[in-house]
Amino acid sequence: MNKRAFRSQVKSDIHGIIKAFIVIEWEGLVMDALDVMGKKEEIFPYFQPIVSADKQQIIGYEVLGRMKTEEGIKSLGFFFRDQSIPEEYILEIDSHIRDCAIDIFLERGTSQCLFFNASARHLLFDHGETLTHSLEEYSNKGIAYDQIVIEVSDYDIGDDELQKLQHILTYYKSLGVQVAVSHAGNSMSNIEKIAILNPNIIKVGLVNLKDKGMPPEYREVLYALSMLGRKIGSTLLFEGIEGIGQLKYAWENGGRYYQGYYLGKPAEDFLDVNQYRELLTKEFQHFITHERKRLLSLYELSQNFNRHLQQQIQAK
């Protein structure tokens, strides 16, 4: 091998090593993707409750990845969002977390739903085949398809890819699987794409409203999402509810499902289905009382204005 060829080979080998050693900064803890892949036994699911406004009961849980480290339990959210990590790694860890969640789900014997996150990018990578295979396995274990909700994010993609994604989700829905699409921020740009994907559930984030007033543009987006939901038959799920103000906003704006730290942080096990019934019944009653007083005040103000107007007319 001549000197030039040797240098080229060394350069290629180093490049390969660097590609394999993908480093991520993870909540202040620096790890590499291979560390995560090599410690699957330390990776497990957490469950965050999702509550029905109608029944005031927990109807399901969002499944979230966690990992045991020397610094404690860490979220795997950053791992899944890092676009430098190979898709094969992402899909393998994602499948592992789903499988663990299903095992716990079967042990508890619950009739609730599990919400699994799925990036459009990851679904398109293998045309949804990894997830399709998992769904078939879960069905064979006795999980009804309608107990599974696939929550799609990162769908701000080109028209061709969006069409492919729509075909994948349509197939899942034909099985009976429910599809949720998350919408975050104040932008109207993705609403048309949500309409194309035609989900069963539209998930709306409220975390940005914490300690802030309602931006006019957000109000417009929410109205558009509400109208879209009615048109295509989707229900609204409000997430990021961290206080009573956000809960009230979700209640006032037709949310059917609620999720957030105010109603329960992610944890390693399930809760009693009626865990939040007393809290929600109490808060809803307060909302109704406040709304009744507000409407009565407006009615009295209108009556007083009409009387004053009549007196002015008669005085002339």
Protein backbone atom coordinates (compact mmCIF):
# COMPACT_ATOMS: atom_id res chain seq x y z
CA MET A 1 0.00 0.00 0.00
CA ASN A 2 1.52 3.35 -0.97
CA LYS A 3 1.70 6.33 1.38
CA ARG A 4 -1.29 8.13 -0.16
CA ALA A 5 -3.50 5.03 0.01
CA PHE A 6 -2.44 4.43 3.62
CA ARG A 7 -3.40 7.98 4.65
CA SER A 8 -6.74 7.62 2.87
CA GLN A 9 -7.45 4.35 4.70
CA VAL A 10 -6.55 5.83 8.09
CA LYS A 11 -8.73 8.86 7.40
CA SER A 12 -11.65 6.57 6.46
CA ASP A 13 -11.20 4.47 9.62
CA ILE A 14 -11.12 7.55 11.86
CA HIS A 15 -14.23 8.92 10.14
CA GLY A 16 -16.02 5.63 10.82
CA ILE A 17 -15.05 5.68 14.49
CA ILE A 18 -16.26 9.26 14.88
CA LYS A 19 -19.57 8.39 13.23
CA ALA A 20 -20.06 5.47 15.61
CA PHE A 21 -19.16 7.58 18.64
CA ILE A 22 -22.01 10.10 18.54
CA VAL A 23 -21.87 12.23 21.64
CA ILE A 24 -24.94 13.90 23.09
CA GLU A 25 -25.23 16.36 25.96
CA TRP A 26 -28.12 15.06 28.00
CA GLU A 27 -29.45 17.22 30.86
CA GLY A 28 -25.90 18.18 31.78
CA LEU A 29 -24.68 14.56 31.47
CA VAL A 30 -22.45 13.85 28.48
CA MET A 31 -23.06 10.41 27.01
CA ASP A 32 -22.64 8.76 23.65
CA ALA A 33 -25.28 6.89 21.68
CA LEU A 34 -23.42 3.61 22.12
CA ASP A 35 -23.64 4.02 25.91
CA VAL A 36 -27.42 4.19 25.59
CA MET A 37 -27.49 1.22 23.21
CA GLY A 38 -25.26 -0.82 25.50
CA LYS A 39 -27.41 -0.27 28.58
CA LYS A 40 -30.84 -1.35 27.40
CA GLU A 41 -31.38 -3.17 30.69
CA GLU A 42 -31.26 0.24 32.39
CA ILE A 43 -33.89 1.72 30.05
CA PHE A 44 -37.56 1.50 30.99
CA PRO A 45 -40.90 3.31 30.50
CA TYR A 46 -42.53 5.96 32.63
CA PHE A 47 -46.25 6.65 32.35
CA GLN A 48 -47.98 10.05 32.46
CA PRO A 49 -51.76 9.94 33.01
CA ILE A 50 -54.26 11.35 30.51
CA VAL A 51 -57.63 12.25 32.00
CA SER A 52 -61.09 12.41 30.46
CA ALA A 53 -63.05 15.61 31.03
CA ASP A 54 -66.37 13.75 30.64
CA LYS A 55 -65.74 10.92 33.10
CA GLN A 56 -63.07 12.60 35.25
CA GLN A 57 -61.15 9.32 34.98
CA ILE A 58 -57.73 8.31 33.73
CA ILE A 59 -58.31 6.92 30.24
CA GLY A 60 -54.71 6.24 29.30
CA TYR A 61 -51.03 7.01 29.71
CA GLU A 62 -48.36 8.52 27.53
CA VAL A 63 -45.30 6.24 27.48
CA LEU A 64 -42.01 8.09 28.03
CA GLY A 65 -38.48 6.67 27.97
CA ARG A 66 -36.26 6.82 31.06
CA MET A 67 -32.77 5.52 31.91
CA LYS A 68 -30.99 4.79 35.19
CA THR A 69 -27.64 6.58 35.47
CA GLU A 70 -25.19 7.30 38.25
CA GLU A 71 -26.79 10.74 38.54
CA GLY A 72 -30.29 9.26 38.85
CA ILE A 73 -33.14 8.63 36.44
CA LYS A 74 -32.86 10.66 33.23
CA SER A 75 -35.30 11.35 30.40
CA LEU A 76 -34.48 9.90 26.99
CA GLY A 77 -36.31 12.69 25.19
CA PHE A 78 -33.11 14.30 23.98
CA PHE A 79 -31.85 10.99 22.62
CA PHE A 80 -34.94 10.62 20.44
CA ARG A 81 -34.78 14.22 19.20
CA ASP A 82 -31.11 14.14 18.23
CA GLN A 83 -31.04 13.88 14.43
CA SER A 84 -27.36 12.88 14.41
CA ILE A 85 -28.17 9.48 15.94
CA PRO A 86 -28.76 6.73 13.36
CA GLU A 87 -32.39 5.80 12.83
CA GLU A 88 -31.65 2.14 13.57
CA TYR A 89 -30.54 3.08 17.10
CA ILE A 90 -33.64 5.17 17.65
CA LEU A 91 -36.01 2.46 16.44
CA GLU A 92 -34.32 -0.22 18.55
CA ILE A 93 -34.56 1.75 21.80
CA ASP A 94 -38.08 2.92 20.95
CA SER A 95 -39.20 -0.69 20.39
CA HIS A 96 -37.57 -1.75 23.67
CA ILE A 97 -39.47 0.92 25.63
CA ARG A 98 -42.76 0.02 23.93
CA ASP A 99 -42.28 -3.68 24.62
CA CYS A 100 -41.54 -3.03 28.31
CA ALA A 101 -44.62 -0.79 28.57
CA ILE A 102 -46.82 -3.46 26.99
CA ASP A 103 -45.53 -6.09 29.44
CA ILE A 104 -46.43 -3.85 32.39
CA PHE A 105 -49.76 -3.05 30.76
CA LEU A 106 -50.59 -6.76 30.45
CA GLU A 107 -49.53 -7.45 34.04
CA ARG A 108 -51.91 -4.78 35.34
CA GLY A 109 -54.78 -6.05 33.19
CA THR A 110 -56.09 -2.54 32.54
CA SER A 111 -58.58 -1.54 29.86
CA GLN A 112 -57.04 1.92 29.39
CA CYS A 113 -54.97 3.17 26.44
CA LEU A 114 -51.25 3.60 25.88
CA PHE A 115 -50.01 6.62 23.92
CA PHE A 116 -46.74 5.92 22.06
CA ASN A 117 -44.70 8.75 20.56
CA ALA A 118 -43.60 8.40 16.95
CA SER A 119 -41.60 10.96 15.00
CA ALA A 120 -42.64 11.27 11.36
CA ARG A 121 -38.96 11.00 10.46
CA HIS A 122 -38.63 7.65 12.23
CA LEU A 123 -41.84 6.28 10.72
CA LEU A 124 -40.78 7.24 7.21
CA PHE A 125 -37.32 5.71 7.64
CA ASP A 126 -38.66 2.15 7.35
CA HIS A 127 -42.17 2.96 6.08
CA GLY A 128 -43.59 2.22 9.53
CA GLU A 129 -42.62 -1.46 9.34
CA THR A 130 -40.97 -1.64 12.78
CA LEU A 131 -44.04 -0.19 14.45
CA THR A 132 -46.39 -2.30 12.32
CA HIS A 133 -44.59 -5.46 13.43
CA SER A 134 -44.83 -4.36 17.07
CA LEU A 135 -48.56 -3.68 16.75
CA GLU A 136 -49.14 -7.16 15.36
CA GLU A 137 -47.19 -8.67 18.25
CA TYR A 138 -49.22 -6.72 20.81
CA SER A 139 -52.45 -7.83 19.18
CA ASN A 140 -51.31 -11.46 19.41
CA LYS A 141 -50.68 -10.91 23.13
CA GLY A 142 -54.27 -9.78 23.60
CA ILE A 143 -53.99 -6.00 23.35
CA ALA A 144 -56.88 -4.52 21.39
CA TYR A 145 -55.77 -2.23 18.59
CA ASP A 146 -58.03 0.55 19.88
CA GLN A 147 -56.07 0.54 23.16
CA ILE A 148 -53.04 1.86 21.26
CA VAL A 149 -52.63 5.53 20.33
CA ILE A 150 -49.77 6.54 18.03
CA GLU A 151 -48.84 10.16 18.74
CA VAL A 152 -47.10 11.69 15.72
CA SER A 153 -44.76 14.67 15.93
CA ASP A 154 -42.24 16.40 13.62
CA TYR A 155 -44.55 16.22 10.60
CA ASP A 156 -43.41 19.56 9.17
CA ILE A 157 -42.20 17.77 6.03
CA GLY A 158 -42.55 18.03 2.27
CA ASP A 159 -45.70 17.12 0.38
CA ASP A 160 -44.37 13.80 -0.92
CA GLU A 161 -43.24 12.66 2.52
CA LEU A 162 -46.48 13.88 4.06
CA GLN A 163 -48.41 11.75 1.59
CA LYS A 164 -46.34 8.70 2.51
CA LEU A 165 -46.92 9.40 6.20
CA GLN A 166 -50.64 9.75 5.59
CA HIS A 167 -50.72 6.29 3.97
CA ILE A 168 -48.91 4.75 6.96
CA LEU A 169 -51.30 6.33 9.46
CA THR A 170 -54.34 5.38 7.39
CA TYR A 171 -53.21 1.75 7.56
CA TYR A 172 -52.84 1.95 11.35
CA LYS A 173 -56.31 3.44 11.63
CA SER A 174 -57.71 0.64 9.45
CA LEU A 175 -56.51 -1.79 12.12
CA GLY A 176 -58.34 0.16 14.81
CA VAL A 177 -55.28 1.95 16.19
CA GLN A 178 -55.95 5.56 17.18
CA VAL A 179 -53.76 8.33 15.79
CA ALA A 180 -52.94 11.56 17.62
CA VAL A 181 -51.09 14.52 16.13
CA SER A 182 -49.40 17.06 18.36
CA HIS A 183 -49.51 20.76 17.61
CA ALA A 184 -47.20 23.14 19.43
CA GLY A 185 -46.67 26.88 19.29
CA ASN A 186 -48.61 29.73 17.74
CA SER A 187 -48.16 28.87 14.07
CA MET A 188 -51.02 28.20 11.64
CA SER A 189 -48.63 26.56 9.17
CA ASN A 190 -49.19 22.95 10.21
CA ILE A 191 -52.98 23.02 10.47
CA GLU A 192 -53.43 22.06 6.82
CA LYS A 193 -51.05 19.14 7.36
CA ILE A 194 -53.05 18.01 10.38
CA ALA A 195 -56.15 17.99 8.18
CA ILE A 196 -54.35 15.76 5.65
CA LEU A 197 -53.22 13.34 8.38
CA ASN A 198 -56.82 13.26 9.71
CA PRO A 199 -56.05 12.14 13.30
CA ASN A 200 -58.48 10.84 15.90
CA ILE A 201 -56.97 13.21 18.46
CA ILE A 202 -55.35 16.64 18.11
CA LYS A 203 -52.92 17.35 20.94
CA VAL A 204 -52.48 21.02 21.88
CA GLY A 205 -49.69 22.25 24.15
CA LEU A 206 -50.45 24.81 26.85
CA VAL A 207 -47.07 24.90 28.60
CA ASN A 208 -46.18 28.21 26.86
CA LEU A 209 -49.15 29.87 28.55
CA LYS A 210 -47.61 29.50 31.99
CA ASP A 211 -47.52 32.88 33.75
CA LYS A 212 -48.51 34.61 30.51
CA GLY A 213 -51.61 36.05 28.97
CA MET A 214 -53.21 34.51 25.91
CA PRO A 215 -51.42 35.74 22.76
CA PRO A 216 -53.96 36.75 20.08
CA GLU A 217 -52.26 34.54 17.49
CA TYR A 218 -52.56 31.52 19.79
CA ARG A 219 -56.25 32.19 20.23
CA GLU A 220 -56.62 32.15 16.44
CA VAL A 221 -54.70 28.87 16.16
CA LEU A 222 -56.80 27.26 18.87
CA TYR A 223 -60.01 28.36 17.18
CA ALA A 224 -58.77 26.93 13.88
CA LEU A 225 -57.85 23.64 15.58
CA SER A 226 -61.24 23.46 17.27
CA MET A 227 -63.05 24.04 13.97
CA LEU A 228 -60.82 21.50 12.22
CA GLY A 229 -61.50 18.96 14.94
CA ARG A 230 -65.24 19.34 14.49
CA LYS A 231 -64.93 19.09 10.72
CA ILE A 232 -62.87 15.88 10.66
CA GLY A 233 -64.25 14.36 13.85
CA SER A 234 -61.10 14.75 16.00
CA THR A 235 -61.11 15.42 19.72
CA LEU A 236 -58.82 17.88 21.53
CA LEU A 237 -56.27 16.80 24.10
CA PHE A 238 -54.66 19.66 26.03
CA GLU A 239 -51.19 18.88 27.41
CA GLY A 240 -48.81 20.93 29.52
CA ILE A 241 -51.47 21.68 32.15
CA GLU A 242 -49.38 22.79 35.10
CA GLY A 243 -51.89 24.86 37.06
CA ILE A 244 -55.52 25.71 37.61
CA GLY A 245 -55.45 28.49 35.01
CA GLN A 246 -54.44 26.15 32.23
CA LEU A 247 -57.00 23.57 33.35
CA LYS A 248 -59.71 26.23 33.21
CA TYR A 249 -58.57 27.29 29.75
CA ALA A 250 -58.73 23.69 28.50
CA TRP A 251 -62.19 23.28 30.02
CA GLU A 252 -63.46 26.52 28.45
CA ASN A 253 -62.14 25.59 25.01
CA GLY A 254 -63.66 22.18 24.58
CA GLY A 255 -60.82 19.89 25.60
CA ARG A 256 -61.97 16.29 25.96
CA TYR A 257 -58.69 15.03 27.43
CA TYR A 258 -56.20 16.67 29.79
CA GLN A 259 -52.54 15.98 30.56
CA GLY A 260 -49.88 17.76 32.60
CA TYR A 261 -48.02 17.97 35.88
CA TYR A 262 -51.10 19.42 37.61
CA LEU A 263 -52.81 16.07 36.99
CA GLY A 264 -49.80 13.84 37.44
CA LYS A 265 -46.11 13.66 36.62
CA PRO A 266 -44.62 10.73 34.71
CA ALA A 267 -44.10 7.76 37.04
CA GLU A 268 -43.12 4.10 36.80
CA ASP A 269 -46.55 2.65 37.52
CA PHE A 270 -50.26 3.20 36.90
CA LEU A 271 -52.65 5.06 39.20
CA ASP A 272 -56.19 4.34 40.31
CA VAL A 273 -58.57 5.17 37.46
CA ASN A 274 -60.46 7.62 39.74
CA GLN A 275 -57.33 9.28 41.12
CA TYR A 276 -58.39 12.77 39.96
CA ARG A 277 -62.18 12.47 40.03
CA GLU A 278 -62.62 14.43 43.27
CA LEU A 279 -60.19 17.18 42.19
CA LEU A 280 -61.75 17.64 38.76
CA THR A 281 -65.33 17.50 40.01
CA LYS A 282 -64.50 20.24 42.52
CA GLU A 283 -62.66 22.41 40.00
CA PHE A 284 -65.32 21.98 37.30
CA GLN A 285 -67.98 23.06 39.76
CA HIS A 286 -65.96 26.19 40.53
CA PHE A 287 -65.65 26.89 36.81
CA ILE A 288 -69.40 26.48 36.30
CA THR A 289 -70.22 28.73 39.25
CA HIS A 290 -67.81 31.39 38.02
CA GLU A 291 -69.22 31.20 34.49
CA ARG A 292 -72.79 31.45 35.77
CA LYS A 293 -71.92 34.56 37.78
CA ARG A 294 -70.19 36.09 34.78
CA LEU A 295 -73.17 35.49 32.52
CA LEU A 296 -75.59 36.82 35.15
CA SER A 297 -73.47 39.95 35.52
CA LEU A 298 -73.51 40.47 31.75
CA TYR A 299 -77.27 39.96 31.68
CA GLU A 300 -77.84 42.51 34.46
CA LEU A 301 -75.53 44.98 32.74
CA SER A 302 -77.49 44.56 29.51
CA GLN A 303 -80.81 45.03 31.33
CA ASN A 304 -79.58 48.19 33.04
CA PHE A 305 -78.33 49.57 29.73
CA ASN A 306 -81.69 48.88 28.06
CA ARG A 307 -83.60 50.57 30.89
CA HIS A 308 -81.34 53.60 30.75
CA LEU A 309 -81.77 53.75 26.97
CA GLN A 310 -85.58 53.56 27.28
CA GLN A 311 -85.56 56.37 29.84
CA GLN A 312 -83.49 58.55 27.52
CA ILE A 313 -85.88 57.90 24.63
CA GLN A 314 -88.97 58.66 26.76
CA ALA A 315 -87.38 61.86 28.10
CA LYS A 316 -87.17 63.18 24.55
